[in-house]
Amino acid sequence: MAEQVTMNQDGTAAIESDGVRRRDFINIAAVSFAGVGAATVLIPLITQMAPSKDVLAEASTEVDVSAVAPGQTIKTIWRKQPVFIRNLTPAEVADAEGVSVDGLRDPQSLQDRTVEGRTNWLVTLGVCTHLGCVPLGAAQGEVKGEFGGYFCPCHGSHYDTAGRIRKGPAPTNLLVPEFAFLSDTVIKIG
């Protein structure tokens, strides 16, 4: 830093330096003040847009499937929508694998809709893809449709045991949510 001594009008010496001047300090202080002010406004604005605790609680759900016998379906709720969890019998797995994917409206194999190594467990949203009705076939004694899976009573869509659309106005298969096995008997949906 170079310093230079000059004489003021009253005869006193003044030292000028190339370092920080008063104007530089005022600029730094003003920018810092503006930054703190912006943070004070933006932090509450951003945090209020975050999902609430009840929404985060529904982001995923865990289901114990140890009591679900082969051929049985249970219903649960995830994100305020019904979910069907079906334990397919070996015969149902064989029937689903025997269907030619090329002939389906929404071509998906059973392996595409299940977790590798656990093709007997099918997890689908229990919402018809036509207009959002809840299909029958999950409870004991309900109509399962022509293909032994699910039947939508609103407009007559028939789904097979793998939740694939086979007949009726529904455009796509029952949706498979993201799910994983946490253990041999617990499924995490979401």
C-alpha atoms as a PDB file:
ATOM      1  CA  MET A   1       0.000   0.000   0.000  1.00  0.00           C
ATOM      2  CA  ALA A   2       1.572   3.280  -1.073  1.00  0.00           C
ATOM      3  CA  GLU A   3       0.983   6.340   1.085  1.00  0.00           C
ATOM      4  CA  GLN A   4       1.327   9.931   0.008  1.00  0.00           C
ATOM      5  CA  VAL A   5       1.513  12.933   2.323  1.00  0.00           C
ATOM      6  CA  THR A   6      -0.125  16.168   1.182  1.00  0.00           C
ATOM      7  CA  MET A   7      -0.715  19.472   2.881  1.00  0.00           C
ATOM      8  CA  ASN A   8      -4.228  20.676   3.672  1.00  0.00           C
ATOM      9  CA  GLN A   9      -5.257  24.348   3.293  1.00  0.00           C
ATOM     10  CA  ASP A  10      -4.904  24.930   7.026  1.00  0.00           C
ATOM     11  CA  GLY A  11      -1.325  23.693   6.940  1.00  0.00           C
ATOM     12  CA  THR A  12      -1.840  20.252   8.431  1.00  0.00           C
ATOM     13  CA  ALA A  13      -0.564  17.122   6.761  1.00  0.00           C
ATOM     14  CA  ALA A  14      -3.023  14.654   5.230  1.00  0.00           C
ATOM     15  CA  ILE A  15      -2.156  11.064   4.420  1.00  0.00           C
ATOM     16  CA  GLU A  16      -3.749   9.521   1.329  1.00  0.00           C
ATOM     17  CA  SER A  17      -3.492   5.778   0.751  1.00  0.00           C
ATOM     18  CA  ASP A  18      -4.418   3.431  -2.092  1.00  0.00           C
ATOM     19  CA  GLY A  19      -6.135   1.036   0.431  1.00  0.00           C
ATOM     20  CA  VAL A  20      -9.761   1.026   1.633  1.00  0.00           C
ATOM     21  CA  ARG A  21     -11.431   4.377   1.385  1.00  0.00           C
ATOM     22  CA  ARG A  22     -14.536   5.552   3.171  1.00  0.00           C
ATOM     23  CA  ARG A  23     -16.588   5.157  -0.031  1.00  0.00           C
ATOM     24  CA  ASP A  24     -15.472   1.498  -0.370  1.00  0.00           C
ATOM     25  CA  PHE A  25     -16.552   0.820   3.211  1.00  0.00           C
ATOM     26  CA  ILE A  26     -19.973   2.402   2.596  1.00  0.00           C
ATOM     27  CA  ASN A  27     -20.452   0.305  -0.583  1.00  0.00           C
ATOM     28  CA  ILE A  28     -19.553  -2.924   1.239  1.00  0.00           C
ATOM     29  CA  ALA A  29     -21.856  -2.046   4.131  1.00  0.00           C
ATOM     30  CA  ALA A  30     -24.755  -1.205   1.787  1.00  0.00           C
ATOM     31  CA  VAL A  31     -24.395  -4.469  -0.176  1.00  0.00           C
ATOM     32  CA  SER A  32     -24.181  -6.461   3.062  1.00  0.00           C
ATOM     33  CA  PHE A  33     -27.290  -4.748   4.426  1.00  0.00           C
ATOM     34  CA  ALA A  34     -29.175  -5.470   1.190  1.00  0.00           C
ATOM     35  CA  GLY A  35     -28.104  -9.133   1.315  1.00  0.00           C
ATOM     36  CA  VAL A  36     -29.350  -9.536   4.880  1.00  0.00           C
ATOM     37  CA  GLY A  37     -32.611  -7.831   3.946  1.00  0.00           C
ATOM     38  CA  ALA A  38     -33.114 -10.117   0.943  1.00  0.00           C
ATOM     39  CA  ALA A  39     -32.435 -13.205   3.063  1.00  0.00           C
ATOM     40  CA  THR A  40     -34.891 -11.948   5.697  1.00  0.00           C
ATOM     41  CA  VAL A  41     -37.606 -11.730   3.034  1.00  0.00           C
ATOM     42  CA  LEU A  42     -36.772 -14.850   0.981  1.00  0.00           C
ATOM     43  CA  ILE A  43     -36.238 -17.439   3.750  1.00  0.00           C
ATOM     44  CA  PRO A  44     -39.817 -17.242   5.132  1.00  0.00           C
ATOM     45  CA  LEU A  45     -41.194 -17.115   1.586  1.00  0.00           C
ATOM     46  CA  ILE A  46     -39.335 -20.274   0.562  1.00  0.00           C
ATOM     47  CA  THR A  47     -40.075 -22.197   3.778  1.00  0.00           C
ATOM     48  CA  GLN A  48     -43.810 -21.512   3.555  1.00  0.00           C
ATOM     49  CA  MET A  49     -43.824 -23.208   0.133  1.00  0.00           C
ATOM     50  CA  ALA A  50     -42.455 -26.463   1.601  1.00  0.00           C
ATOM     51  CA  PRO A  51     -44.948 -29.318   2.055  1.00  0.00           C
ATOM     52  CA  SER A  52     -46.631 -29.556   5.434  1.00  0.00           C
ATOM     53  CA  LYS A  53     -45.904 -32.345   7.908  1.00  0.00           C
ATOM     54  CA  ASP A  54     -49.142 -34.202   7.128  1.00  0.00           C
ATOM     55  CA  VAL A  55     -48.242 -34.264   3.421  1.00  0.00           C
ATOM     56  CA  LEU A  56     -44.729 -35.522   4.171  1.00  0.00           C
ATOM     57  CA  ALA A  57     -46.210 -38.226   6.397  1.00  0.00           C
ATOM     58  CA  GLU A  58     -48.192 -39.537   3.414  1.00  0.00           C
ATOM     59  CA  ALA A  59     -45.182 -39.513   1.088  1.00  0.00           C
ATOM     60  CA  SER A  60     -44.584 -43.179   1.822  1.00  0.00           C
ATOM     61  CA  THR A  61     -46.273 -45.958   3.737  1.00  0.00           C
ATOM     62  CA  GLU A  62     -45.120 -49.331   4.996  1.00  0.00           C
ATOM     63  CA  VAL A  63     -47.396 -52.361   4.834  1.00  0.00           C
ATOM     64  CA  ASP A  64     -46.896 -55.695   6.604  1.00  0.00           C
ATOM     65  CA  VAL A  65     -47.919 -58.426   4.153  1.00  0.00           C
ATOM     66  CA  SER A  66     -47.046 -61.431   6.316  1.00  0.00           C
ATOM     67  CA  ALA A  67     -50.725 -62.399   6.721  1.00  0.00           C
ATOM     68  CA  VAL A  68     -51.617 -62.124   3.012  1.00  0.00           C
ATOM     69  CA  ALA A  69     -52.175 -65.647   1.698  1.00  0.00           C
ATOM     70  CA  PRO A  70     -51.537 -66.617  -1.935  1.00  0.00           C
ATOM     71  CA  GLY A  71     -54.534 -65.555  -4.027  1.00  0.00           C
ATOM     72  CA  GLN A  72     -55.528 -62.866  -1.536  1.00  0.00           C
ATOM     73  CA  THR A  73     -55.599 -59.090  -2.064  1.00  0.00           C
ATOM     74  CA  ILE A  74     -55.525 -56.412   0.613  1.00  0.00           C
ATOM     75  CA  LYS A  75     -56.395 -52.736   0.337  1.00  0.00           C
ATOM     76  CA  THR A  76     -54.435 -49.912   1.917  1.00  0.00           C
ATOM     77  CA  ILE A  77     -54.283 -46.148   1.481  1.00  0.00           C
ATOM     78  CA  TRP A  78     -51.344 -44.161   0.090  1.00  0.00           C
ATOM     79  CA  ARG A  79     -51.599 -40.441  -0.708  1.00  0.00           C
ATOM     80  CA  LYS A  80     -55.350 -40.638  -0.089  1.00  0.00           C
ATOM     81  CA  GLN A  81     -55.762 -43.228  -2.858  1.00  0.00           C
ATOM     82  CA  PRO A  82     -56.562 -46.927  -2.526  1.00  0.00           C
ATOM     83  CA  VAL A  83     -53.750 -49.384  -3.186  1.00  0.00           C
ATOM     84  CA  PHE A  84     -54.233 -53.089  -3.933  1.00  0.00           C
ATOM     85  CA  ILE A  85     -51.522 -55.499  -2.792  1.00  0.00           C
ATOM     86  CA  ARG A  86     -52.048 -58.935  -4.280  1.00  0.00           C
ATOM     87  CA  ASN A  87     -50.186 -62.146  -3.492  1.00  0.00           C
ATOM     88  CA  LEU A  88     -50.527 -64.057  -6.752  1.00  0.00           C
ATOM     89  CA  THR A  89     -50.785 -67.845  -6.713  1.00  0.00           C
ATOM     90  CA  PRO A  90     -48.344 -69.839  -8.858  1.00  0.00           C
ATOM     91  CA  ALA A  91     -51.219 -70.504 -11.291  1.00  0.00           C
ATOM     92  CA  GLU A  92     -52.001 -66.763 -11.544  1.00  0.00           C
ATOM     93  CA  VAL A  93     -48.313 -66.008 -12.156  1.00  0.00           C
ATOM     94  CA  ALA A  94     -48.206 -68.655 -14.902  1.00  0.00           C
ATOM     95  CA  ASP A  95     -51.418 -67.292 -16.488  1.00  0.00           C
ATOM     96  CA  ALA A  96     -50.094 -63.698 -16.409  1.00  0.00           C
ATOM     97  CA  GLU A  97     -46.761 -64.751 -17.917  1.00  0.00           C
ATOM     98  CA  GLY A  98     -48.575 -66.779 -20.598  1.00  0.00           C
ATOM     99  CA  VAL A  99     -50.372 -63.739 -22.024  1.00  0.00           C
ATOM    100  CA  SER A 100     -48.852 -62.378 -25.236  1.00  0.00           C
ATOM    101  CA  VAL A 101     -47.766 -58.825 -24.489  1.00  0.00           C
ATOM    102  CA  ASP A 102     -48.175 -57.889 -28.166  1.00  0.00           C
ATOM    103  CA  GLY A 103     -51.944 -58.365 -27.936  1.00  0.00           C
ATOM    104  CA  LEU A 104     -52.411 -56.013 -24.978  1.00  0.00           C
ATOM    105  CA  ARG A 105     -53.665 -52.434 -25.242  1.00  0.00           C
ATOM    106  CA  ASP A 106     -50.980 -51.295 -22.779  1.00  0.00           C
ATOM    107  CA  PRO A 107     -48.198 -53.863 -23.292  1.00  0.00           C
ATOM    108  CA  GLN A 108     -46.468 -54.747 -20.024  1.00  0.00           C
ATOM    109  CA  SER A 109     -45.278 -58.104 -18.804  1.00  0.00           C
ATOM    110  CA  LEU A 110     -45.685 -59.294 -15.227  1.00  0.00           C
ATOM    111  CA  GLN A 111     -41.945 -58.690 -14.707  1.00  0.00           C
ATOM    112  CA  ASP A 112     -42.444 -55.047 -15.757  1.00  0.00           C
ATOM    113  CA  ARG A 113     -45.063 -54.628 -13.019  1.00  0.00           C
ATOM    114  CA  THR A 114     -43.381 -56.448 -10.124  1.00  0.00           C
ATOM    115  CA  VAL A 115     -40.075 -56.467  -8.258  1.00  0.00           C
ATOM    116  CA  GLU A 116     -37.424 -58.861  -9.537  1.00  0.00           C
ATOM    117  CA  GLY A 117     -37.503 -62.152  -7.669  1.00  0.00           C
ATOM    118  CA  ARG A 118     -40.952 -61.435  -6.210  1.00  0.00           C
ATOM    119  CA  THR A 119     -43.265 -61.729  -9.198  1.00  0.00           C
ATOM    120  CA  ASN A 120     -45.992 -63.083  -6.947  1.00  0.00           C
ATOM    121  CA  TRP A 121     -46.431 -59.652  -5.266  1.00  0.00           C
ATOM    122  CA  LEU A 122     -48.359 -57.118  -7.327  1.00  0.00           C
ATOM    123  CA  VAL A 123     -48.861 -53.587  -5.988  1.00  0.00           C
ATOM    124  CA  THR A 124     -51.209 -51.300  -7.957  1.00  0.00           C
ATOM    125  CA  LEU A 125     -53.199 -48.154  -7.358  1.00  0.00           C
ATOM    126  CA  GLY A 126     -56.835 -49.139  -6.919  1.00  0.00           C
ATOM    127  CA  VAL A 127     -58.039 -46.463  -9.326  1.00  0.00           C
ATOM    128  CA  CYS A 128     -59.450 -47.258 -12.767  1.00  0.00           C
ATOM    129  CA  THR A 129     -57.486 -45.434 -15.442  1.00  0.00           C
ATOM    130  CA  HIS A 130     -60.681 -44.562 -17.332  1.00  0.00           C
ATOM    131  CA  LEU A 131     -62.441 -42.114 -15.008  1.00  0.00           C
ATOM    132  CA  GLY A 132     -61.012 -42.858 -11.570  1.00  0.00           C
ATOM    133  CA  CYS A 133     -63.525 -45.296 -10.059  1.00  0.00           C
ATOM    134  CA  VAL A 134     -62.334 -47.947  -7.607  1.00  0.00           C
ATOM    135  CA  PRO A 135     -62.433 -51.382  -9.273  1.00  0.00           C
ATOM    136  CA  LEU A 136     -63.897 -54.436  -7.577  1.00  0.00           C
ATOM    137  CA  GLY A 137     -61.987 -57.661  -7.049  1.00  0.00           C
ATOM    138  CA  ALA A 138     -59.801 -56.906  -4.052  1.00  0.00           C
ATOM    139  CA  ALA A 139     -62.217 -58.137  -1.376  1.00  0.00           C
ATOM    140  CA  GLN A 140     -63.469 -61.681  -0.898  1.00  0.00           C
ATOM    141  CA  GLY A 141     -66.588 -62.335  -2.975  1.00  0.00           C
ATOM    142  CA  GLU A 142     -66.336 -59.260  -5.205  1.00  0.00           C
ATOM    143  CA  VAL A 143     -66.700 -59.529  -8.964  1.00  0.00           C
ATOM    144  CA  LYS A 144     -63.221 -60.003 -10.463  1.00  0.00           C
ATOM    145  CA  GLY A 145     -64.176 -59.544 -14.119  1.00  0.00           C
ATOM    146  CA  GLU A 146     -63.675 -61.865 -17.073  1.00  0.00           C
ATOM    147  CA  PHE A 147     -59.927 -62.223 -16.516  1.00  0.00           C
ATOM    148  CA  GLY A 148     -59.900 -62.951 -12.772  1.00  0.00           C
ATOM    149  CA  GLY A 149     -58.317 -59.650 -11.737  1.00  0.00           C
ATOM    150  CA  TYR A 150     -60.362 -56.525 -11.226  1.00  0.00           C
ATOM    151  CA  PHE A 151     -63.624 -55.170 -12.621  1.00  0.00           C
ATOM    152  CA  CYS A 152     -64.615 -51.494 -12.723  1.00  0.00           C
ATOM    153  CA  PRO A 153     -68.381 -51.289 -12.170  1.00  0.00           C
ATOM    154  CA  CYS A 154     -68.629 -47.696 -13.437  1.00  0.00           C
ATOM    155  CA  HIS A 155     -67.962 -48.360 -17.135  1.00  0.00           C
ATOM    156  CA  GLY A 156     -67.072 -52.051 -17.394  1.00  0.00           C
ATOM    157  CA  SER A 157     -63.278 -52.186 -17.618  1.00  0.00           C
ATOM    158  CA  HIS A 158     -61.822 -55.649 -17.016  1.00  0.00           C
ATOM    159  CA  TYR A 159     -58.273 -56.125 -15.699  1.00  0.00           C
ATOM    160  CA  ASP A 160     -56.375 -59.409 -15.442  1.00  0.00           C
ATOM    161  CA  THR A 161     -54.553 -60.733 -12.359  1.00  0.00           C
ATOM    162  CA  ALA A 162     -51.533 -58.558 -13.233  1.00  0.00           C
ATOM    163  CA  GLY A 163     -53.708 -55.404 -13.258  1.00  0.00           C
ATOM    164  CA  ARG A 164     -53.455 -55.051 -17.050  1.00  0.00           C
ATOM    165  CA  ILE A 165     -56.415 -53.707 -19.026  1.00  0.00           C
ATOM    166  CA  ARG A 166     -57.946 -56.448 -21.129  1.00  0.00           C
ATOM    167  CA  LYS A 167     -61.455 -55.194 -21.984  1.00  0.00           C
ATOM    168  CA  GLY A 168     -63.445 -51.977 -21.614  1.00  0.00           C
ATOM    169  CA  PRO A 169     -62.807 -48.257 -21.984  1.00  0.00           C
ATOM    170  CA  ALA A 170     -59.785 -47.881 -19.667  1.00  0.00           C
ATOM    171  CA  PRO A 171     -56.821 -46.714 -21.764  1.00  0.00           C
ATOM    172  CA  THR A 172     -53.978 -48.076 -19.603  1.00  0.00           C
ATOM    173  CA  ASN A 173     -53.169 -50.684 -16.980  1.00  0.00           C
ATOM    174  CA  LEU A 174     -53.693 -50.021 -13.285  1.00  0.00           C
ATOM    175  CA  LEU A 175     -50.759 -47.864 -12.213  1.00  0.00           C
ATOM    176  CA  VAL A 176     -47.923 -49.449 -10.262  1.00  0.00           C
ATOM    177  CA  PRO A 177     -46.547 -47.022  -7.670  1.00  0.00           C
ATOM    178  CA  GLU A 178     -42.891 -47.025  -6.700  1.00  0.00           C
ATOM    179  CA  PHE A 179     -42.457 -49.732  -4.068  1.00  0.00           C
ATOM    180  CA  ALA A 180     -39.753 -51.864  -2.515  1.00  0.00           C
ATOM    181  CA  PHE A 181     -39.456 -54.685  -0.034  1.00  0.00           C
ATOM    182  CA  LEU A 182     -37.863 -53.577   3.242  1.00  0.00           C
ATOM    183  CA  SER A 183     -37.894 -57.196   4.435  1.00  0.00           C
ATOM    184  CA  ASP A 184     -39.576 -60.443   3.414  1.00  0.00           C
ATOM    185  CA  THR A 185     -42.858 -59.242   4.920  1.00  0.00           C
ATOM    186  CA  VAL A 186     -42.802 -55.410   4.738  1.00  0.00           C
ATOM    187  CA  ILE A 187     -43.425 -53.375   1.584  1.00  0.00           C
ATOM    188  CA  LYS A 188     -42.661 -49.656   1.421  1.00  0.00           C
ATOM    189  CA  ILE A 189     -44.844 -47.766  -1.043  1.00  0.00           C
ATOM    190  CA  GLY A 190     -43.602 -44.372  -2.202  1.00  0.00           C
END
